[in-house]
Amino acid sequence: MSFLRLPLAALAWIGRQGTTGLAVSIFLGIAVPPLAAYVKPHLGETVFVLLVFSYLRTEPDKLRQVVRAPGLAMAGALWAMIAVPLLAGGVLVLIGLPKLAPDLYTIMILHLAIAPIVSSAAFAALMGLDVAFTMVAVILSNILSPVTTVATSYLFLGGSLISPLDLGIKLLVFLLVSGLVAMVIRRIAGQERIDAHKETIDGLNVLAVFVFAIAAMDGVPRHVMADPLGSAALLGIAVLLALGTYGLGAIAFIRAGFRVGAVVGMLSAFRNLGTIMAAIGTTLPDQAWFYFALVQFPIYLFPALLKPIVRRQSKSPP
């Protein structure tokens, strides 16, 4: 169909920009604040689309290999869902954050407790990492999440703001339905056609992430103009938390290989805080929404900074 040739070529070009496209999209998200009000109600659908694309970018043969020997993926999930919240949460307590900034402490604990972003596999594809390993680790993390997220909340906050049953049902439905949709698409289109259009799928991923960025950046210009120094400090905290948790995950799993360490670092640092905001956002202070926006910056920018390192490591001899 010739009329599809131009849009498909455009999507493939966007897909080839990969992590650069991610980095640019967050700044474009800030540039179009009037669209945020229209996009924000559709955050759930955007995440669903990203998850479908993640399934499509996961090669079935490689996925089966990981599923047959899931030990390493489970270790990565346990690290992200148990070790990271305990270690990072303990540091927040030791520096006295519960007394210094109780509202910030609450949202940071919830941020550490929730599962990795469901689009991690899409990010792995753009970075040239193992998509199948990432996909299985993300699924396992989300299976653990209803128990570990609530347990972390009780441990550090003295109670849970989230119903484990509601969280478990939402995550399970999300993962199953998006997986079924991807399976139907794969059955209709065929694996060869999907393989031939990987760049196009990556382009759709970047566009979906851009839509998410528009919604997430809602209110950022207002906060920055009202308190530039406070905004810079909060951004610095979000970046330091991402750097610390990414580095811990990468170092902990470096013996399994650089690419595995890079994935576990991503799972440790890139958290699905949107799930928390969707569930209890109306009960949280305005600062929590601003923090939610700022934690997107490391998520969108780190892949572009890390991809050259991944590429060099992939070319170097074992």
Protein backbone atom coordinates (compact mmCIF):
# COMPACT_ATOMS: atom_id res chain seq x y z
CA MET A 1 0.00 0.00 0.00
CA SER A 2 1.82 3.04 -1.31
CA PHE A 3 -0.10 5.52 0.85
CA LEU A 4 1.46 3.90 3.94
CA ARG A 5 5.00 4.11 2.61
CA LEU A 6 5.67 7.68 3.80
CA PRO A 7 4.28 7.35 7.37
CA LEU A 8 6.03 3.98 7.80
CA ALA A 9 9.30 5.51 6.61
CA ALA A 10 8.80 8.41 9.03
CA LEU A 11 8.18 6.00 11.92
CA ALA A 12 11.24 3.96 10.98
CA TRP A 13 13.33 7.15 10.95
CA ILE A 14 12.05 8.05 14.43
CA GLY A 15 12.83 4.50 15.56
CA ARG A 16 16.41 4.82 14.28
CA GLN A 17 16.86 7.89 16.49
CA GLY A 18 16.22 5.53 19.41
CA THR A 19 17.42 6.89 22.73
CA THR A 20 18.01 10.34 21.23
CA GLY A 21 14.31 10.44 20.39
CA LEU A 22 13.51 9.59 24.03
CA ALA A 23 15.69 12.42 25.32
CA VAL A 24 14.19 14.94 22.91
CA SER A 25 10.62 13.86 23.67
CA ILE A 26 10.73 14.92 27.32
CA PHE A 27 11.75 18.47 26.39
CA LEU A 28 9.06 18.56 23.72
CA GLY A 29 6.65 17.45 26.44
CA ILE A 30 7.52 20.57 28.45
CA ALA A 31 7.10 22.72 25.33
CA VAL A 32 3.42 21.82 24.81
CA PRO A 33 1.81 22.22 28.27
CA PRO A 34 -1.68 22.99 26.88
CA LEU A 35 -1.86 19.41 25.55
CA ALA A 36 -1.25 17.90 29.00
CA ALA A 37 -4.86 18.34 30.12
CA TYR A 38 -6.05 16.37 27.08
CA VAL A 39 -3.44 13.63 27.30
CA LYS A 40 -3.35 13.05 31.08
CA PRO A 41 -6.66 11.09 31.23
CA HIS A 42 -5.22 8.63 28.69
CA LEU A 43 -2.01 7.72 30.53
CA GLY A 44 -3.27 4.18 31.12
CA GLU A 45 -3.92 3.59 27.43
CA THR A 46 -0.48 4.96 26.57
CA VAL A 47 1.24 2.56 28.96
CA PHE A 48 -0.87 -0.30 27.58
CA VAL A 49 0.29 0.50 24.02
CA LEU A 50 3.91 0.60 25.19
CA LEU A 51 3.50 -2.81 26.78
CA VAL A 52 2.03 -4.26 23.57
CA PHE A 53 5.01 -2.91 21.60
CA SER A 54 7.37 -4.37 24.22
CA TYR A 55 5.85 -7.81 23.68
CA LEU A 56 6.14 -7.40 19.90
CA ARG A 57 9.82 -6.42 20.16
CA THR A 58 10.54 -9.55 22.24
CA GLU A 59 11.72 -12.38 20.01
CA PRO A 60 9.71 -15.54 20.85
CA ASP A 61 12.73 -17.90 20.66
CA LYS A 62 14.79 -15.76 23.05
CA LEU A 63 11.79 -15.33 25.34
CA ARG A 64 11.40 -19.12 25.54
CA GLN A 65 15.10 -19.48 26.42
CA VAL A 66 14.73 -17.07 29.35
CA VAL A 67 11.48 -18.69 30.51
CA ARG A 68 13.11 -22.15 30.51
CA ALA A 69 15.89 -20.86 32.79
CA PRO A 70 14.35 -17.93 34.70
CA GLY A 71 16.78 -17.94 37.63
CA LEU A 72 18.74 -14.85 36.60
CA ALA A 73 15.59 -12.91 35.69
CA MET A 74 14.05 -13.82 39.05
CA ALA A 75 17.22 -12.70 40.83
CA GLY A 76 17.00 -9.37 39.00
CA ALA A 77 13.34 -9.00 39.98
CA LEU A 78 14.06 -9.82 43.64
CA TRP A 79 16.90 -7.31 43.66
CA ALA A 80 14.67 -4.58 42.20
CA MET A 81 11.66 -5.31 44.41
CA ILE A 82 13.32 -6.18 47.76
CA ALA A 83 17.00 -5.24 47.94
CA VAL A 84 16.75 -1.78 46.35
CA PRO A 85 13.80 -0.53 48.47
CA LEU A 86 15.47 -1.81 51.66
CA LEU A 87 18.88 -0.30 50.85
CA ALA A 88 17.71 3.04 49.45
CA GLY A 89 14.89 3.38 51.96
CA GLY A 90 17.35 2.72 54.77
CA VAL A 91 19.58 5.53 53.48
CA LEU A 92 16.62 7.95 53.45
CA VAL A 93 15.88 7.08 57.08
CA LEU A 94 19.54 7.43 58.11
CA ILE A 95 19.80 10.96 56.65
CA GLY A 96 16.66 11.95 58.56
CA LEU A 97 14.40 12.62 55.58
CA PRO A 98 11.20 11.49 57.42
CA LYS A 99 11.59 14.51 59.74
CA LEU A 100 13.21 16.94 57.31
CA ALA A 101 10.68 16.49 54.48
CA PRO A 102 7.91 14.02 55.37
CA ASP A 103 5.90 14.57 52.16
CA LEU A 104 8.98 14.02 49.98
CA TYR A 105 9.96 10.99 52.05
CA THR A 106 6.53 9.41 51.50
CA ILE A 107 6.57 9.75 47.72
CA MET A 108 10.20 8.60 47.50
CA ILE A 109 9.43 5.43 49.47
CA LEU A 110 6.43 4.72 47.23
CA HIS A 111 8.67 5.38 44.22
CA LEU A 112 11.23 2.85 45.45
CA ALA A 113 8.56 0.29 46.34
CA ILE A 114 6.68 0.07 43.04
CA ALA A 115 7.65 -2.21 40.15
CA PRO A 116 9.86 -1.12 37.22
CA ILE A 117 8.23 0.69 34.31
CA VAL A 118 6.41 -1.71 32.00
CA SER A 119 8.11 -0.07 29.01
CA SER A 120 11.53 -1.28 30.23
CA ALA A 121 11.64 -3.84 27.42
CA ALA A 122 10.94 -1.11 24.86
CA PHE A 123 13.80 0.93 26.35
CA ALA A 124 16.03 -2.15 26.27
CA ALA A 125 15.28 -2.52 22.54
CA LEU A 126 16.24 1.10 21.90
CA MET A 127 19.46 0.67 23.90
CA GLY A 128 20.46 -2.61 22.24
CA LEU A 129 20.06 -4.68 25.43
CA ASP A 130 18.48 -8.11 25.95
CA VAL A 131 14.75 -7.51 25.39
CA ALA A 132 13.63 -11.02 26.36
CA PHE A 133 15.52 -11.00 29.67
CA THR A 134 14.14 -7.53 30.43
CA MET A 135 10.57 -8.56 29.59
CA VAL A 136 10.64 -11.63 31.86
CA ALA A 137 12.24 -9.66 34.72
CA VAL A 138 9.59 -6.94 34.39
CA ILE A 139 6.76 -9.50 34.44
CA LEU A 140 8.24 -11.22 37.51
CA SER A 141 8.69 -7.84 39.25
CA ASN A 142 5.05 -6.99 38.64
CA ILE A 143 3.98 -10.38 39.99
CA LEU A 144 5.96 -9.66 43.17
CA SER A 145 4.77 -6.06 43.40
CA PRO A 146 1.45 -6.48 45.27
CA VAL A 147 3.30 -8.16 48.15
CA THR A 148 6.64 -6.32 48.15
CA THR A 149 5.21 -2.84 47.50
CA VAL A 150 2.76 -3.12 50.38
CA ALA A 151 5.41 -4.66 52.67
CA THR A 152 7.83 -1.81 51.91
CA SER A 153 5.08 0.73 52.62
CA TYR A 154 4.33 -0.85 55.99
CA LEU A 155 8.03 -1.05 56.88
CA PHE A 156 8.94 2.57 56.07
CA LEU A 157 5.60 4.42 56.31
CA GLY A 158 3.83 2.42 59.01
CA GLY A 159 0.92 1.57 56.74
CA SER A 160 -0.09 1.01 53.13
CA LEU A 161 -1.83 3.55 50.92
CA ILE A 162 -2.40 0.85 48.29
CA SER A 163 -4.68 -2.20 48.29
CA PRO A 164 -2.54 -5.24 47.34
CA LEU A 165 -5.57 -6.93 45.77
CA ASP A 166 -6.46 -3.92 43.61
CA LEU A 167 -2.81 -3.45 42.59
CA GLY A 168 -2.41 -7.14 41.77
CA ILE A 169 -5.57 -7.30 39.68
CA LYS A 170 -4.70 -4.13 37.72
CA LEU A 171 -1.15 -5.30 36.97
CA LEU A 172 -2.25 -8.82 36.06
CA VAL A 173 -4.97 -7.60 33.68
CA PHE A 174 -2.55 -5.13 32.11
CA LEU A 175 0.11 -7.77 31.50
CA LEU A 176 -2.26 -10.48 30.29
CA VAL A 177 -4.45 -8.39 28.00
CA SER A 178 -1.51 -6.57 26.38
CA GLY A 179 0.21 -9.94 25.91
CA LEU A 180 -2.90 -11.37 24.23
CA VAL A 181 -3.17 -8.34 21.93
CA ALA A 182 0.49 -8.73 20.95
CA MET A 183 -0.06 -12.46 20.35
CA VAL A 184 -2.99 -11.74 18.02
CA ILE A 185 -0.96 -9.13 16.12
CA ARG A 186 1.95 -11.57 15.84
CA ARG A 187 -0.37 -14.32 14.57
CA ILE A 188 -1.96 -12.05 11.94
CA ALA A 189 1.18 -10.19 10.81
CA GLY A 190 3.68 -13.06 11.16
CA GLN A 191 7.08 -12.95 12.83
CA GLU A 192 8.93 -12.19 9.57
CA ARG A 193 6.92 -9.03 8.99
CA ILE A 194 7.40 -7.91 12.60
CA ASP A 195 11.16 -8.49 12.29
CA ALA A 196 11.19 -6.48 9.08
CA HIS A 197 9.48 -3.54 10.82
CA LYS A 198 11.44 -3.40 14.08
CA GLU A 199 12.45 0.19 13.44
CA THR A 200 8.83 1.11 12.77
CA ILE A 201 7.78 -0.45 16.09
CA ASP A 202 10.60 1.43 17.81
CA GLY A 203 9.27 4.63 16.21
CA LEU A 204 5.80 3.92 17.61
CA ASN A 205 7.44 3.32 21.00
CA VAL A 206 9.10 6.74 20.89
CA LEU A 207 5.79 8.41 19.95
CA ALA A 208 3.95 6.65 22.78
CA VAL A 209 6.66 7.70 25.23
CA PHE A 210 6.34 11.26 23.92
CA VAL A 211 2.60 11.21 24.69
CA PHE A 212 3.42 10.00 28.22
CA ALA A 213 5.97 12.84 28.56
CA ILE A 214 3.35 15.46 27.65
CA ALA A 215 1.09 14.23 30.45
CA ALA A 216 3.91 13.82 32.97
CA MET A 217 5.25 17.35 32.40
CA ASP A 218 1.94 18.93 33.38
CA GLY A 219 2.64 21.76 35.84
CA VAL A 220 6.44 21.66 35.53
CA PRO A 221 6.84 25.20 34.07
CA ARG A 222 4.57 26.57 36.83
CA HIS A 223 6.62 24.94 39.61
CA VAL A 224 9.95 26.00 38.11
CA MET A 225 8.86 29.62 37.74
CA ALA A 226 7.48 29.69 41.29
CA ASP A 227 10.60 28.19 42.93
CA PRO A 228 13.61 27.77 40.60
CA LEU A 229 16.10 26.80 43.32
CA GLY A 230 13.73 24.37 45.02
CA SER A 231 12.92 22.82 41.64
CA ALA A 232 16.61 22.40 40.83
CA ALA A 233 17.21 20.79 44.24
CA LEU A 234 14.33 18.34 43.78
CA LEU A 235 15.56 17.46 40.28
CA GLY A 236 19.01 16.86 41.75
CA ILE A 237 17.51 14.48 44.33
CA ALA A 238 15.63 12.56 41.61
CA VAL A 239 18.78 12.25 39.49
CA LEU A 240 20.94 11.17 42.46
CA LEU A 241 18.40 8.51 43.43
CA ALA A 242 18.33 7.20 39.85
CA LEU A 243 22.14 7.19 39.61
CA GLY A 244 22.53 5.44 42.93
CA THR A 245 19.95 2.71 42.32
CA TYR A 246 21.12 2.17 38.72
CA GLY A 247 24.73 1.89 39.80
CA LEU A 248 23.91 -0.51 42.64
CA GLY A 249 21.95 -2.81 40.33
CA ALA A 250 24.59 -2.76 37.61
CA ILE A 251 27.43 -3.49 40.06
CA ALA A 252 25.50 -6.24 41.86
CA PHE A 253 24.96 -8.15 38.60
CA ILE A 254 28.12 -7.25 36.69
CA ARG A 255 29.49 -10.80 37.08
CA ALA A 256 26.56 -12.04 34.99
CA GLY A 257 27.76 -9.78 32.17
CA PHE A 258 27.68 -6.08 31.39
CA ARG A 259 24.38 -6.30 29.48
CA VAL A 260 22.64 -8.11 32.37
CA GLY A 261 23.99 -5.54 34.83
CA ALA A 262 22.74 -2.72 32.59
CA VAL A 263 19.24 -4.23 32.53
CA VAL A 264 19.09 -4.80 36.31
CA GLY A 265 20.31 -1.23 36.82
CA MET A 266 17.45 -0.02 34.64
CA LEU A 267 14.92 -2.14 36.54
CA SER A 268 16.28 -0.73 39.81
CA ALA A 269 16.15 2.93 38.77
CA PHE A 270 13.23 3.24 36.33
CA ARG A 271 10.09 2.78 38.45
CA ASN A 272 6.45 2.87 37.44
CA LEU A 273 5.49 5.75 39.74
CA GLY A 274 2.56 6.46 37.42
CA THR A 275 0.80 3.43 38.92
CA ILE A 276 1.00 5.03 42.37
CA MET A 277 -0.15 8.42 41.12
CA ALA A 278 -3.10 6.86 39.29
CA ALA A 279 -4.12 4.92 42.43
CA ILE A 280 -3.72 7.53 45.17
CA GLY A 281 -2.61 10.74 43.41
CA THR A 282 -5.63 12.71 44.65
CA THR A 283 -4.58 12.08 48.29
CA LEU A 284 -0.97 13.23 47.77
CA PRO A 285 0.34 16.81 47.99
CA ASP A 286 1.12 18.87 44.90
CA GLN A 287 4.85 18.30 45.49
CA ALA A 288 4.31 14.59 44.83
CA TRP A 289 3.03 15.33 41.31
CA PHE A 290 6.00 17.60 40.69
CA TYR A 291 8.34 14.85 41.91
CA PHE A 292 6.56 12.41 39.57
CA ALA A 293 7.34 14.74 36.68
CA LEU A 294 10.99 15.21 37.64
CA VAL A 295 11.77 11.49 38.00
CA GLN A 296 10.92 11.15 34.32
CA PHE A 297 14.08 13.10 33.38
CA PRO A 298 16.54 10.33 34.34
CA ILE A 299 14.24 7.75 32.73
CA TYR A 300 14.23 9.64 29.42
CA LEU A 301 17.83 10.89 29.46
CA PHE A 302 19.86 7.99 30.91
CA PRO A 303 19.28 5.64 27.92
CA ALA A 304 20.81 8.21 25.54
CA LEU A 305 23.83 8.60 27.84
CA LEU A 306 24.25 4.86 28.38
CA LYS A 307 23.73 3.59 24.82
CA PRO A 308 27.28 4.52 23.62
CA ILE A 309 28.68 2.56 26.58
CA VAL A 310 26.47 -0.43 25.76
CA ARG A 311 27.60 -0.26 22.13
CA ARG A 312 31.29 -0.19 23.09
CA GLN A 313 30.89 -3.09 25.51
CA SER A 314 29.02 -5.11 22.88
CA LYS A 315 31.90 -4.65 20.41
CA SER A 316 34.64 -5.45 22.91
CA PRO A 317 35.87 -9.07 23.06
CA PRO A 318 34.53 -11.20 25.95
